[in-house]
Amino acid sequence: MAAPGRLVSLTGGNRNGDSTARGLGVAGLVVGVLGPAAAAFAGLRGRSTGSQAE
């Protein structure tokens, strides 16, 4: 039994996996934001050139 006032880790206290998961999560969020931003930029750029297909 844990002493009163002490936190008990349910995952075994593996911190190496935490930093990897955190890095991948941040990278996923960045890519998730950049995707729609790139699409919007491409859409605006396409409209500004006037789609001059020959």
N, C-alpha and C. Protein backbone atom coordinates (compact mmCIF):
# COMPACT_ATOMS: atom_id res chain seq x y z
N MET A 1 0.84 -1.18 0.00
CA MET A 1 0.00 0.00 0.00
C MET A 1 0.89 1.24 0.00
N ALA A 2 0.50 2.25 -0.77
CA ALA A 2 1.27 3.48 -0.87
C ALA A 2 1.10 4.33 0.38
N ALA A 3 2.15 5.07 0.71
CA ALA A 3 2.08 5.96 1.85
C ALA A 3 1.12 7.11 1.55
N PRO A 4 0.45 7.62 2.55
CA PRO A 4 -0.47 8.74 2.32
C PRO A 4 0.25 9.95 1.74
N GLY A 5 -0.37 10.57 0.74
CA GLY A 5 0.22 11.75 0.13
C GLY A 5 1.18 11.45 -1.01
N ARG A 6 1.42 10.17 -1.32
CA ARG A 6 2.32 9.81 -2.41
C ARG A 6 1.50 9.40 -3.62
N LEU A 7 1.94 9.86 -4.78
CA LEU A 7 1.26 9.49 -6.02
C LEU A 7 1.80 8.15 -6.50
N VAL A 8 0.93 7.31 -6.98
CA VAL A 8 1.31 6.00 -7.49
C VAL A 8 1.12 6.01 -8.99
N SER A 9 2.17 5.65 -9.72
CA SER A 9 2.09 5.60 -11.18
C SER A 9 1.44 4.30 -11.61
N LEU A 10 0.41 4.42 -12.46
CA LEU A 10 -0.26 3.23 -12.95
C LEU A 10 0.44 2.65 -14.17
N THR A 11 1.33 3.41 -14.80
CA THR A 11 2.00 2.96 -16.01
C THR A 11 3.41 2.44 -15.75
N GLY A 12 3.86 2.46 -14.55
CA GLY A 12 5.20 1.97 -14.24
C GLY A 12 6.26 3.05 -14.28
N GLY A 13 5.89 4.28 -14.59
CA GLY A 13 6.84 5.38 -14.54
C GLY A 13 7.79 5.45 -15.72
N ASN A 14 7.42 4.95 -16.87
CA ASN A 14 8.28 5.00 -18.05
C ASN A 14 8.18 6.39 -18.68
N ARG A 15 9.21 7.19 -18.53
CA ARG A 15 9.20 8.57 -19.04
C ARG A 15 9.75 8.68 -20.45
N ASN A 16 10.53 7.69 -20.94
CA ASN A 16 11.07 7.76 -22.30
C ASN A 16 9.95 7.73 -23.33
N GLY A 17 8.97 6.89 -23.14
CA GLY A 17 7.84 6.81 -24.06
C GLY A 17 7.00 8.08 -24.03
N ASP A 18 6.96 8.74 -22.88
CA ASP A 18 6.18 9.96 -22.76
C ASP A 18 6.73 11.05 -23.67
N SER A 19 8.05 11.22 -23.71
CA SER A 19 8.63 12.28 -24.53
C SER A 19 8.45 11.98 -26.00
N THR A 20 8.55 10.71 -26.38
CA THR A 20 8.34 10.34 -27.78
C THR A 20 6.90 10.59 -28.18
N ALA A 21 5.97 10.17 -27.35
CA ALA A 21 4.56 10.37 -27.64
C ALA A 21 4.22 11.87 -27.71
N ARG A 22 4.81 12.64 -26.82
CA ARG A 22 4.56 14.08 -26.81
C ARG A 22 5.09 14.72 -28.09
N GLY A 23 6.29 14.32 -28.52
CA GLY A 23 6.86 14.85 -29.76
C GLY A 23 6.02 14.49 -30.97
N LEU A 24 5.57 13.25 -31.03
CA LEU A 24 4.72 12.84 -32.15
C LEU A 24 3.37 13.56 -32.13
N GLY A 25 2.86 13.79 -30.95
CA GLY A 25 1.59 14.52 -30.84
C GLY A 25 1.72 15.95 -31.31
N VAL A 26 2.80 16.62 -30.92
CA VAL A 26 3.04 18.00 -31.36
C VAL A 26 3.23 18.04 -32.88
N ALA A 27 4.00 17.09 -33.42
CA ALA A 27 4.21 17.04 -34.87
C ALA A 27 2.89 16.82 -35.60
N GLY A 28 2.05 15.98 -35.06
CA GLY A 28 0.73 15.74 -35.67
C GLY A 28 -0.13 16.99 -35.66
N LEU A 29 -0.09 17.73 -34.58
CA LEU A 29 -0.87 18.97 -34.52
C LEU A 29 -0.36 20.00 -35.52
N VAL A 30 0.97 20.10 -35.65
CA VAL A 30 1.56 21.05 -36.60
C VAL A 30 1.15 20.69 -38.03
N VAL A 31 1.26 19.41 -38.38
CA VAL A 31 0.88 18.97 -39.72
C VAL A 31 -0.63 19.18 -39.93
N GLY A 32 -1.40 18.93 -38.90
CA GLY A 32 -2.84 19.12 -38.99
C GLY A 32 -3.24 20.56 -39.24
N VAL A 33 -2.46 21.50 -38.74
CA VAL A 33 -2.74 22.92 -38.96
C VAL A 33 -2.20 23.37 -40.32
N LEU A 34 -1.03 22.86 -40.69
CA LEU A 34 -0.40 23.29 -41.94
C LEU A 34 -1.15 22.77 -43.18
N GLY A 35 -1.80 21.64 -43.09
CA GLY A 35 -2.52 21.07 -44.23
C GLY A 35 -3.61 22.00 -44.75
N PRO A 36 -4.59 22.35 -43.94
CA PRO A 36 -5.63 23.27 -44.39
C PRO A 36 -5.09 24.67 -44.75
N ALA A 37 -4.04 25.11 -44.05
CA ALA A 37 -3.45 26.41 -44.37
C ALA A 37 -2.84 26.38 -45.77
N ALA A 38 -2.15 25.30 -46.12
CA ALA A 38 -1.56 25.16 -47.45
C ALA A 38 -2.65 25.08 -48.51
N ALA A 39 -3.73 24.37 -48.21
CA ALA A 39 -4.84 24.26 -49.16
C ALA A 39 -5.49 25.63 -49.39
N ALA A 40 -5.68 26.39 -48.34
CA ALA A 40 -6.27 27.73 -48.48
C ALA A 40 -5.35 28.64 -49.29
N PHE A 41 -4.05 28.55 -49.02
CA PHE A 41 -3.09 29.36 -49.77
C PHE A 41 -3.10 28.99 -51.25
N ALA A 42 -3.13 27.69 -51.54
CA ALA A 42 -3.16 27.24 -52.93
C ALA A 42 -4.45 27.69 -53.62
N GLY A 43 -5.55 27.65 -52.90
CA GLY A 43 -6.82 28.08 -53.47
C GLY A 43 -6.82 29.57 -53.78
N LEU A 44 -6.29 30.36 -52.86
CA LEU A 44 -6.23 31.80 -53.09
C LEU A 44 -5.26 32.14 -54.22
N ARG A 45 -4.17 31.43 -54.27
CA ARG A 45 -3.17 31.68 -55.31
C ARG A 45 -3.74 31.32 -56.68
N GLY A 46 -4.49 30.23 -56.75
CA GLY A 46 -5.10 29.80 -58.01
C GLY A 46 -6.13 30.82 -58.50
N ARG A 47 -6.88 31.40 -57.59
CA ARG A 47 -7.88 32.40 -57.98
C ARG A 47 -7.23 33.69 -58.42
N SER A 48 -6.12 34.05 -57.79
CA SER A 48 -5.50 35.33 -58.11
C SER A 48 -4.83 35.31 -59.48
N THR A 49 -4.42 34.14 -59.95
CA THR A 49 -3.79 34.07 -61.28
C THR A 49 -4.83 33.98 -62.38
N GLY A 50 -6.06 33.69 -62.04
CA GLY A 50 -7.14 33.73 -63.03
C GLY A 50 -7.30 32.44 -63.83
N SER A 51 -6.69 31.35 -63.43
CA SER A 51 -6.77 30.04 -64.10
C SER A 51 -6.76 30.17 -65.63
N GLN A 52 -5.62 30.49 -66.15
CA GLN A 52 -5.44 30.73 -67.59
C GLN A 52 -4.99 29.43 -68.27
N ALA A 53 -5.88 28.45 -68.35
CA ALA A 53 -5.54 27.20 -69.01
C ALA A 53 -5.66 27.37 -70.52
N GLU A 54 -4.66 26.86 -71.24
CA GLU A 54 -4.68 27.00 -72.70
C GLU A 54 -4.86 25.67 -73.35
